[in-house]
């Protein structure tokens, strides 16, 4: 009898051990460090309580920019990356010649590492030899040429354009998988009733893709909150700290400026924001889908 009680825990134990080792314990230690002032080298840490958090909220001029950039990145990801992914999935779900090839072409950028993507796009944005300025000159729009990654008002959006190219393949594949599970019977009945394509999309496709949307939105939101590699490789947070996001500013504070406590506090803000957004969303949408 006692063996049967503990048996489920024996199956859970390996996953629980990995979770505790890889996620919970490092997160708890990061929370602990956020209450100290420490340069990562000194043998002693100075306890400062909530001073690191107050420093970020009231005195750090970059932290609000990084937070706003994360918000812009998240909104852009949920609208543009996810929207383009859905549009491509709808197009490539039809019986088109060469659709398998196009699926691979659109998905290919997603399998590239962020550093490779950043290197490609930095060359494309090069003011003297880059593709964009040469294309504008060829079109007779020399006045539109820019040092795209050197202007504070444009740099973040230039980096995000690279993120669209890099990331649109993932939602496309997920939406394709969802579309292929939808039976054809509702569409045939809608055609007989005289429903237009827009009405079929609104009243058949979108409701039947609810479960897929839950997954895609959650993944997109998490990915947008922890974005780092493209920003770091393309702009390093510049120019004038205008493209920093929370993850890049956390890296700079922790490893460039040796402010382990401040960097840990930023990571806790990032964890808290992600949890506040993701957990209620997944809970509400999952609960609603099972009503």
Protein backbone atom coordinates (compact mmCIF):
# COMPACT_ATOMS: atom_id res chain seq x y z
CA UNK A 1 0.00 0.00 0.00
CA UNK A 2 2.78 2.40 0.95
CA UNK A 3 4.64 1.58 -2.27
CA UNK A 4 1.62 2.54 -4.37
CA UNK A 5 1.43 5.90 -2.58
CA UNK A 6 5.04 6.80 -3.36
CA UNK A 7 5.13 5.27 -6.83
CA UNK A 8 3.85 8.40 -8.67
CA UNK A 9 6.55 10.48 -6.97
CA UNK A 10 9.21 8.10 -8.24
CA UNK A 11 8.15 8.88 -11.80
CA UNK A 12 8.05 12.62 -11.10
CA UNK A 13 11.40 12.67 -9.27
CA UNK A 14 13.74 12.89 -12.35
CA UNK A 15 11.83 15.82 -13.86
CA UNK A 16 11.51 17.47 -10.45
CA UNK A 17 15.25 17.13 -9.84
CA UNK A 18 16.04 18.73 -13.20
CA UNK A 19 13.54 21.54 -12.54
CA UNK A 20 14.98 22.28 -9.11
CA UNK A 21 18.58 22.17 -10.35
CA UNK A 22 18.17 24.12 -13.58
CA UNK A 23 15.36 26.56 -12.79
CA UNK A 24 14.28 26.90 -9.16
CA UNK A 25 17.64 26.94 -7.35
CA UNK A 26 19.33 29.42 -9.79
CA UNK A 27 16.23 31.65 -9.65
CA UNK A 28 16.21 31.56 -5.86
CA UNK A 29 19.94 32.40 -5.76
CA UNK A 30 19.40 35.27 -8.19
CA UNK A 31 16.65 36.62 -5.93
CA UNK A 32 19.06 36.33 -3.01
CA UNK A 33 21.78 38.26 -4.88
CA UNK A 34 19.35 41.04 -5.80
CA UNK A 35 19.34 42.13 -2.14
CA UNK A 36 23.12 42.64 -2.06
CA UNK A 37 25.70 44.99 -3.48
CA UNK A 38 28.47 42.82 -4.94
CA UNK A 39 30.93 43.02 -7.79
CA UNK A 40 31.17 39.24 -8.28
CA UNK A 41 34.80 39.11 -7.10
CA UNK A 42 34.93 40.45 -3.54
CA UNK A 43 34.65 37.76 -0.84
CA UNK A 44 31.95 39.69 1.02
CA UNK A 45 28.58 40.89 -0.14
CA UNK A 46 26.96 44.01 1.32
CA UNK A 47 23.28 43.61 2.16
CA UNK A 48 21.28 46.56 0.80
CA UNK A 49 17.71 45.23 0.94
CA UNK A 50 15.48 46.74 -1.72
CA UNK A 51 17.98 49.44 -2.68
CA UNK A 52 18.82 47.77 -6.00
CA UNK A 53 15.16 47.75 -6.99
CA UNK A 54 14.73 51.38 -5.92
CA UNK A 55 17.84 52.28 -7.91
CA UNK A 56 16.35 50.79 -11.07
CA UNK A 57 12.96 52.41 -10.60
CA UNK A 58 14.04 55.90 -9.57
CA UNK A 59 17.63 56.58 -10.63
CA UNK A 60 18.51 54.33 -13.57
CA UNK A 61 17.78 56.22 -16.81
CA UNK A 62 18.29 53.18 -19.05
CA UNK A 63 15.97 50.76 -17.24
CA UNK A 64 12.72 52.58 -18.25
CA UNK A 65 13.95 52.67 -21.87
CA UNK A 66 14.72 48.97 -21.77
CA UNK A 67 11.30 48.22 -20.29
CA UNK A 68 9.56 50.30 -22.95
CA UNK A 69 11.61 48.66 -25.70
CA UNK A 70 10.53 45.25 -24.40
CA UNK A 71 6.91 46.41 -24.51
CA UNK A 72 7.32 47.67 -28.10
CA UNK A 73 9.04 44.40 -29.06
CA UNK A 74 6.24 42.34 -27.50
CA UNK A 75 3.47 44.29 -29.22
CA UNK A 76 5.32 44.10 -32.52
CA UNK A 77 5.83 40.36 -32.12
CA UNK A 78 2.17 39.72 -31.31
CA UNK A 79 0.97 41.75 -34.28
CA UNK A 80 3.57 41.55 -37.04
CA UNK A 81 5.46 38.31 -36.45
CA UNK A 82 2.37 36.36 -35.47
CA UNK A 83 0.19 38.05 -38.09
CA UNK A 84 2.63 37.43 -40.94
CA UNK A 85 3.07 33.86 -39.73
CA UNK A 86 -0.68 33.29 -39.85
CA UNK A 87 -0.92 34.87 -43.30
CA UNK A 88 1.85 32.66 -44.67
CA UNK A 89 0.27 29.58 -43.08
CA UNK A 90 -3.07 30.35 -44.74
CA UNK A 91 -1.36 30.81 -48.10
CA UNK A 92 0.80 27.68 -47.86
CA UNK A 93 -2.06 25.52 -46.59
CA UNK A 94 -3.62 25.72 -50.04
CA UNK A 95 -2.76 23.38 -52.88
CA UNK A 96 -0.11 25.54 -54.49
CA UNK A 97 2.68 24.36 -56.75
CA UNK A 98 5.94 24.32 -54.84
CA UNK A 99 4.33 24.95 -51.45
CA UNK A 100 6.70 22.48 -49.74
CA UNK A 101 9.67 24.47 -51.05
CA UNK A 102 8.17 27.75 -49.88
CA UNK A 103 7.45 26.32 -46.44
CA UNK A 104 11.11 25.43 -46.13
CA UNK A 105 12.27 28.82 -47.40
CA UNK A 106 10.10 30.75 -44.95
CA UNK A 107 11.03 28.49 -42.05
CA UNK A 108 14.77 28.43 -42.80
CA UNK A 109 15.66 31.78 -41.13
CA UNK A 110 14.22 30.52 -37.86
CA UNK A 111 16.77 27.71 -37.60
CA UNK A 112 19.67 30.17 -37.91
CA UNK A 113 21.30 31.38 -34.72
CA UNK A 114 20.73 34.96 -33.67
CA UNK A 115 24.38 35.86 -34.23
CA UNK A 116 24.24 34.69 -37.85
CA UNK A 117 21.03 36.64 -38.44
CA UNK A 118 22.56 39.72 -36.82
CA UNK A 119 25.68 39.49 -38.98
CA UNK A 120 23.60 39.23 -42.17
CA UNK A 121 21.43 42.20 -41.30
CA UNK A 122 24.26 44.39 -40.06
CA UNK A 123 25.80 44.07 -43.54
CA UNK A 124 22.44 44.79 -45.15
CA UNK A 125 22.18 47.98 -43.06
CA UNK A 126 25.76 49.06 -43.83
CA UNK A 127 25.56 52.76 -44.82
CA UNK A 128 28.09 52.44 -47.68
CA UNK A 129 27.79 48.87 -48.97
CA UNK A 130 24.48 47.67 -47.53
CA UNK A 131 21.55 46.36 -49.54
CA UNK A 132 18.97 48.82 -48.24
CA UNK A 133 20.83 52.01 -49.12
CA UNK A 134 21.87 50.61 -52.51
CA UNK A 135 18.25 49.66 -53.23
CA UNK A 136 17.04 53.14 -52.28
CA UNK A 137 19.68 54.74 -54.50
CA UNK A 138 18.69 52.47 -57.38
CA UNK A 139 15.07 53.57 -56.93
CA UNK A 140 16.11 57.22 -56.96
CA UNK A 141 15.42 57.72 -53.26
CA UNK A 142 18.89 58.83 -52.14
CA UNK A 143 17.37 61.16 -49.54
CA UNK A 144 15.93 58.14 -47.73
CA UNK A 145 19.30 56.47 -47.20
CA UNK A 146 20.31 56.26 -43.56
CA UNK A 147 22.86 54.91 -41.15
CA UNK A 148 20.05 52.68 -39.96
CA UNK A 149 21.69 51.30 -36.84
CA UNK A 150 23.26 54.60 -35.81
CA UNK A 151 20.10 56.68 -35.42
CA UNK A 152 18.48 56.37 -31.97
CA UNK A 153 14.93 56.77 -33.31
CA UNK A 154 15.33 54.10 -36.01
CA UNK A 155 17.76 51.55 -34.60
CA UNK A 156 15.27 49.52 -32.53
CA UNK A 157 12.87 49.17 -35.45
CA UNK A 158 15.73 48.22 -37.77
CA UNK A 159 16.69 45.43 -35.37
CA UNK A 160 13.05 44.36 -35.08
CA UNK A 161 12.82 44.04 -38.87
CA UNK A 162 15.61 41.47 -38.66
CA UNK A 163 13.64 39.74 -35.88
CA UNK A 164 10.60 39.48 -38.16
CA UNK A 165 12.66 37.80 -40.86
CA UNK A 166 14.23 35.50 -38.28
CA UNK A 167 11.13 34.62 -36.27
CA UNK A 168 8.14 34.45 -38.60
CA UNK A 169 8.80 30.81 -39.50
CA UNK A 170 7.90 29.46 -36.06
CA UNK A 171 4.29 30.73 -35.87
CA UNK A 172 3.87 29.83 -39.54
CA UNK A 173 4.69 26.17 -38.85
CA UNK A 174 2.50 26.06 -35.73
CA UNK A 175 -0.44 27.64 -37.54
CA UNK A 176 0.06 25.24 -40.45
CA UNK A 177 -0.14 22.32 -38.04
CA UNK A 178 -3.34 23.75 -36.58
CA UNK A 179 -4.89 24.41 -39.98
CA UNK A 180 -4.25 20.87 -41.13
CA UNK A 181 -6.27 19.50 -38.20
CA UNK A 182 -9.39 21.44 -39.22
CA UNK A 183 -11.85 19.23 -41.13
CA UNK A 184 -13.17 20.36 -44.50
CA UNK A 185 -16.84 19.71 -43.69
CA UNK A 186 -17.50 23.14 -42.08
CA UNK A 187 -15.99 24.92 -45.08
CA UNK A 188 -18.06 22.89 -47.55
CA UNK A 189 -21.22 23.66 -45.58
CA UNK A 190 -20.29 27.35 -45.45
CA UNK A 191 -19.73 27.47 -49.22
CA UNK A 192 -23.16 25.90 -49.80
CA UNK A 193 -24.67 28.57 -47.53
CA UNK A 194 -22.95 31.28 -49.55
CA UNK A 195 -20.34 32.33 -46.97
CA UNK A 196 -17.56 34.55 -48.25
CA UNK A 197 -13.86 33.68 -47.63
CA UNK A 198 -13.63 36.41 -44.99
CA UNK A 199 -16.66 34.98 -43.20
CA UNK A 200 -15.20 31.46 -43.36
CA UNK A 201 -11.98 32.77 -41.83
CA UNK A 202 -13.79 34.64 -39.07
CA UNK A 203 -16.40 32.08 -38.07
CA UNK A 204 -14.63 28.78 -38.87
CA UNK A 205 -10.85 29.13 -39.06
CA UNK A 206 -10.24 31.44 -36.09
CA UNK A 207 -12.48 29.58 -33.60
CA UNK A 208 -11.01 26.20 -34.58
CA UNK A 209 -7.47 27.59 -34.20
CA UNK A 210 -8.10 28.62 -30.58
CA UNK A 211 -5.78 25.97 -29.10
CA UNK A 212 -3.04 26.86 -31.58
CA UNK A 213 -3.39 30.56 -30.76
CA UNK A 214 -2.91 29.79 -27.06
CA UNK A 215 0.41 28.11 -27.78
CA UNK A 216 1.63 30.63 -30.37
CA UNK A 217 0.78 33.70 -28.28
CA UNK A 218 2.42 32.25 -25.17
CA UNK A 219 5.60 31.29 -27.04
CA UNK A 220 5.74 34.64 -28.82
CA UNK A 221 5.29 36.62 -25.62
CA UNK A 222 7.98 34.69 -23.77
CA UNK A 223 10.41 34.98 -26.69
CA UNK A 224 9.82 38.72 -26.97
CA UNK A 225 10.42 39.28 -23.25
CA UNK A 226 13.77 37.46 -23.24
CA UNK A 227 15.10 38.85 -26.55
CA UNK A 228 18.83 39.52 -26.30
CA UNK A 229 21.07 38.14 -29.04
CA UNK A 230 19.91 40.30 -31.96
CA UNK A 231 20.05 43.50 -29.92
CA UNK A 232 23.47 42.75 -28.48
CA UNK A 233 25.01 41.64 -31.78
CA UNK A 234 23.53 44.39 -33.97
CA UNK A 235 23.70 47.49 -31.77
CA UNK A 236 25.15 46.54 -28.38
CA UNK A 237 22.30 48.50 -26.84
CA UNK A 238 23.24 51.70 -28.68
CA UNK A 239 23.21 54.23 -30.08
CA UNK A 240 22.90 56.30 -26.89
CA UNK A 241 21.45 53.26 -25.05
CA UNK A 242 18.34 53.53 -27.23
CA UNK A 243 17.97 49.85 -28.14
CA UNK A 244 18.58 48.23 -24.77
CA UNK A 245 16.02 45.65 -23.65
CA UNK A 246 15.81 44.15 -20.17
CA UNK A 247 18.00 41.16 -21.00
CA UNK A 248 20.76 43.24 -22.61
CA UNK A 249 20.76 45.81 -19.81
CA UNK A 250 20.89 42.96 -17.29
CA UNK A 251 23.98 41.62 -19.09
CA UNK A 252 25.66 45.02 -19.13
CA UNK A 253 25.00 45.67 -15.44
CA UNK A 254 26.14 42.19 -14.42
CA UNK A 255 29.20 41.58 -16.59
CA UNK A 256 30.25 44.96 -17.99
CA UNK A 257 29.74 47.09 -14.88
CA UNK A 258 30.13 44.29 -12.28
CA UNK A 259 26.89 45.26 -10.53
CA UNK A 260 25.72 41.75 -9.69
CA UNK A 261 22.95 42.98 -7.41
CA UNK A 262 21.52 45.38 -9.99
CA UNK A 263 21.72 42.75 -12.73
CA UNK A 264 19.99 40.22 -10.50
CA UNK A 265 17.25 42.74 -9.71
CA UNK A 266 16.67 43.30 -13.44
CA UNK A 267 16.37 39.54 -13.96
CA UNK A 268 13.79 39.35 -11.18
CA UNK A 269 11.81 42.16 -12.83
CA UNK A 270 11.96 40.18 -16.07
CA UNK A 271 10.77 37.00 -14.37
CA UNK A 272 7.98 38.84 -12.55
CA UNK A 273 6.71 40.61 -15.68
CA UNK A 274 6.76 37.37 -17.67
CA UNK A 275 4.88 35.49 -14.95
CA UNK A 276 2.31 38.25 -14.51
CA UNK A 277 1.59 38.24 -18.23
CA UNK A 278 1.88 34.56 -19.16
CA UNK A 279 0.29 32.70 -16.23
CA UNK A 280 -3.07 34.57 -16.24
CA UNK A 281 -3.19 34.43 -20.04
CA UNK A 282 -2.64 30.68 -20.25
CA UNK A 283 -4.97 30.01 -17.32
CA UNK A 284 -7.79 32.14 -18.74
CA UNK A 285 -7.53 30.96 -22.32
CA UNK A 286 -7.16 27.30 -21.34
CA UNK A 287 -10.11 27.51 -18.96
CA UNK A 288 -12.21 29.28 -21.59
CA UNK A 289 -11.37 26.74 -24.28
CA UNK A 290 -12.65 23.90 -22.06
CA UNK A 291 -15.94 25.56 -21.14
